[in-house]
Protein backbone atom coordinates (compact mmCIF):
# COMPACT_ATOMS: atom_id res chain seq x y z
CA MET A 1 3.74 83.79 55.33
CA LEU A 2 5.61 80.97 53.62
CA THR A 3 3.59 78.90 51.15
CA THR A 4 4.63 75.98 48.95
CA ARG A 5 3.27 74.96 45.58
CA LEU A 6 4.26 72.71 42.70
CA ALA A 7 6.36 74.37 40.03
CA THR A 8 4.99 74.66 36.50
CA LEU A 9 6.79 74.93 33.18
CA THR A 10 5.96 78.65 33.08
CA ASP A 11 7.95 79.12 36.32
CA ILE A 12 11.20 77.89 34.75
CA PRO A 13 12.62 81.27 33.63
CA GLN A 14 12.17 82.76 37.12
CA LEU A 15 13.60 79.63 38.73
CA GLN A 16 16.68 79.74 36.48
CA GLU A 17 17.31 83.30 37.66
CA LEU A 18 16.83 82.30 41.31
CA ILE A 19 19.21 79.35 40.94
CA ALA A 20 21.96 81.47 39.37
CA LEU A 21 21.57 84.13 42.07
CA SER A 22 21.53 81.57 44.87
CA VAL A 23 24.63 79.75 43.63
CA SER A 24 26.54 82.95 42.86
CA LYS A 25 25.94 84.45 46.32
CA LEU A 26 25.63 81.52 48.73
CA SER A 27 28.61 79.56 47.34
CA ILE A 28 31.13 82.31 48.10
CA GLY A 29 33.74 80.98 50.50
CA TYR A 30 33.03 77.37 49.54
CA TYR A 31 34.01 77.46 45.86
CA THR A 32 36.25 79.72 43.79
CA PRO A 33 34.63 82.39 41.57
CA GLN A 34 35.45 80.29 38.49
CA GLN A 35 33.95 77.14 40.04
CA ILE A 36 30.77 79.09 40.81
CA LYS A 37 30.55 80.49 37.28
CA SER A 38 31.21 77.08 35.71
CA SER A 39 28.77 75.26 37.99
CA ILE A 40 25.96 77.60 36.93
CA LYS A 41 26.80 76.98 33.28
CA TYR A 42 27.37 73.22 33.40
CA ILE A 43 25.54 71.76 36.41
CA PHE A 44 23.01 73.86 38.27
CA GLY A 45 19.69 74.67 36.71
CA ILE A 46 16.21 73.29 36.37
CA ASP A 47 15.72 69.61 35.72
CA THR A 48 12.54 69.90 33.65
CA GLN A 49 11.70 66.25 34.37
CA LEU A 50 11.07 67.11 38.02
CA VAL A 51 8.52 69.75 36.99
CA ILE A 52 6.86 67.32 34.56
CA ASP A 53 6.78 64.59 37.23
CA GLY A 54 5.11 67.00 39.70
CA THR A 55 7.91 66.65 42.26
CA TYR A 56 9.44 70.15 42.19
CA TYR A 57 8.25 72.80 44.61
CA ILE A 58 8.40 76.56 44.93
CA ALA A 59 8.37 78.37 48.26
CA GLU A 60 6.86 81.86 48.20
CA THR A 61 6.49 84.68 50.67
CA ASP A 62 3.99 87.39 49.76
CA GLY A 63 4.03 86.24 46.14
CA VAL A 64 7.85 86.34 45.89
CA ILE A 65 9.68 83.12 45.01
CA VAL A 66 12.17 82.64 47.86
CA GLY A 67 13.24 79.05 47.31
CA CYS A 68 12.79 75.88 45.33
CA GLY A 69 13.60 72.21 45.62
CA GLY A 70 12.28 68.81 44.83
CA TRP A 71 12.53 65.08 45.04
CA SER A 72 12.75 62.51 42.31
CA LYS A 73 11.72 58.96 41.62
CA ARG A 74 14.41 58.89 38.91
CA ASN A 75 18.08 57.91 38.99
CA THR A 76 19.80 61.29 38.51
CA LEU A 77 21.45 62.47 41.76
CA TYR A 78 22.10 66.13 40.91
CA GLY A 79 22.20 68.67 38.09
CA GLY A 80 19.88 70.44 35.73
CA ASP A 81 18.91 69.64 32.16
CA GLN A 82 22.36 70.66 30.91
CA HIS A 83 24.11 68.09 33.14
CA LYS A 84 22.14 64.86 33.11
CA PRO A 85 22.05 62.05 30.57
CA THR A 86 19.05 61.87 28.26
CA GLU A 87 17.76 58.68 29.85
CA ASP A 88 16.69 59.00 33.46
CA PRO A 89 15.25 55.64 34.55
CA LEU A 90 12.73 55.29 37.35
CA LEU A 91 13.80 54.09 40.78
CA ASP A 92 12.17 51.24 42.68
CA PRO A 93 10.90 52.48 46.08
CA GLU A 94 11.36 48.94 47.45
CA THR A 95 15.12 48.96 46.87
CA ASP A 96 16.22 52.48 45.91
CA ALA A 97 16.45 55.79 47.73
CA ALA A 98 14.42 58.74 46.46
CA ARG A 99 16.61 61.58 45.22
CA ILE A 100 16.37 64.95 46.94
CA ARG A 101 17.15 67.45 44.20
CA ALA A 102 17.94 71.02 43.24
CA PHE A 103 17.47 73.00 46.45
CA PHE A 104 18.10 76.73 46.12
CA VAL A 105 17.15 79.66 48.34
CA HIS A 106 17.17 83.33 47.42
CA PRO A 107 20.19 84.88 49.21
CA ASP A 108 18.01 87.60 50.79
CA TYR A 109 15.95 84.86 52.48
CA ALA A 110 18.76 82.44 53.45
CA ARG A 111 18.92 80.93 56.92
CA ARG A 112 15.22 81.47 57.64
CA GLY A 113 14.04 77.85 57.49
CA ILE A 114 12.99 77.86 53.83
CA GLY A 115 15.28 74.99 52.84
CA THR A 116 14.13 72.96 55.84
CA HIS A 117 10.50 73.63 54.97
CA ILE A 118 10.92 72.49 51.36
CA MET A 119 12.93 69.48 52.51
CA ASN A 120 10.10 68.38 54.80
CA VAL A 121 7.58 68.75 51.96
CA CYS A 122 9.79 66.65 49.66
CA GLU A 123 10.57 63.92 52.18
CA ASN A 124 6.87 63.56 53.04
CA ALA A 125 5.90 63.36 49.37
CA ALA A 126 8.58 60.73 48.71
CA LYS A 127 7.37 58.71 51.71
CA ASP A 128 3.79 58.96 50.35
CA ASN A 129 5.17 57.37 47.17
CA GLY A 130 6.66 54.40 49.04
CA PHE A 131 10.28 55.51 49.53
CA THR A 132 11.93 54.78 52.86
CA SER A 133 15.31 56.41 52.25
CA PHE A 134 16.67 59.50 50.53
CA GLU A 135 19.93 60.40 48.80
CA LEU A 136 21.23 63.71 47.53
CA GLY A 137 24.26 65.35 46.01
CA ALA A 138 24.99 68.29 48.31
CA THR A 139 26.93 71.36 47.40
CA LEU A 140 29.42 72.34 50.08
CA PRO A 141 27.21 75.23 51.32
CA GLY A 142 24.29 72.78 51.66
CA VAL A 143 26.09 70.15 53.74
CA PRO A 144 25.44 71.85 57.13
CA LEU A 145 21.67 72.00 56.48
CA TYR A 146 21.49 68.36 55.45
CA LYS A 147 23.55 67.26 58.47
CA THR A 148 21.08 69.02 60.80
CA MET A 149 18.32 67.05 59.06
CA ALA A 150 20.01 63.70 59.86
CA TYR A 151 21.69 63.09 56.50
CA THR A 152 25.05 61.35 56.67
CA GLU A 153 27.96 61.79 54.29
CA LEU A 154 28.64 58.79 52.07
CA GLU A 155 31.33 60.05 49.74
CA ARG A 156 32.86 63.08 48.06
CA ILE A 157 32.21 63.35 44.34
CA ASP A 158 34.44 65.50 42.18
CA ALA A 159 32.25 66.74 39.33
CA HIS A 160 34.53 67.43 36.38
CA LEU A 161 33.12 70.31 34.33
CA LYS A 162 33.56 70.81 30.60
CA ASP A 163 35.91 73.77 31.09
CA GLY A 164 38.30 71.82 33.34
CA GLU A 165 36.95 73.07 36.67
CA VAL A 166 36.24 70.50 39.38
CA LEU A 167 33.32 71.02 41.76
CA GLY A 168 33.14 69.16 45.06
CA ILE A 169 29.78 67.51 45.75
CA VAL A 170 28.98 65.38 48.81
CA LYS A 171 26.73 62.36 48.37
CA MET A 172 24.53 62.06 51.47
CA ARG A 173 21.82 59.66 52.67
CA LYS A 174 19.02 59.47 55.21
CA GLU A 175 16.72 56.68 56.27
CA ALA A 176 13.08 57.69 56.70
């Protein structure tokens, strides 16, 4: 049975492992091996602020962490602690879109509705906090899921990594 709970700071080491595994396995065919390796080092990881804000969730099945994802009332669109600027200002729900952030599923549990489940939890929580639209920075493997959930592509973002690699990200939006 799939359950969802808020992540805690003590979950971070396990989540970092899940994120690296998810990116390394589920990005094959979308990104080169070097792009995958670099993205884990320079972009993908836990954004501790989401855990502190109480907006980052863990999905578990029989006590096993099978996925994670969150939403944010802050400006950062994507990336973990190693990628974002130090200042992350709050968004205004009246004029800004909530950010859907850092969705990762364990490869052994992919394509079983876990991402959709976490997405629904996040969208509902953001709505409860006054947001009426959502934006996200999708990895290429994530785009099909977000399209099925009524997100539309706004633009392609080329994330330039510190080692010279370029990672394609798709900025997407949905109205509540």
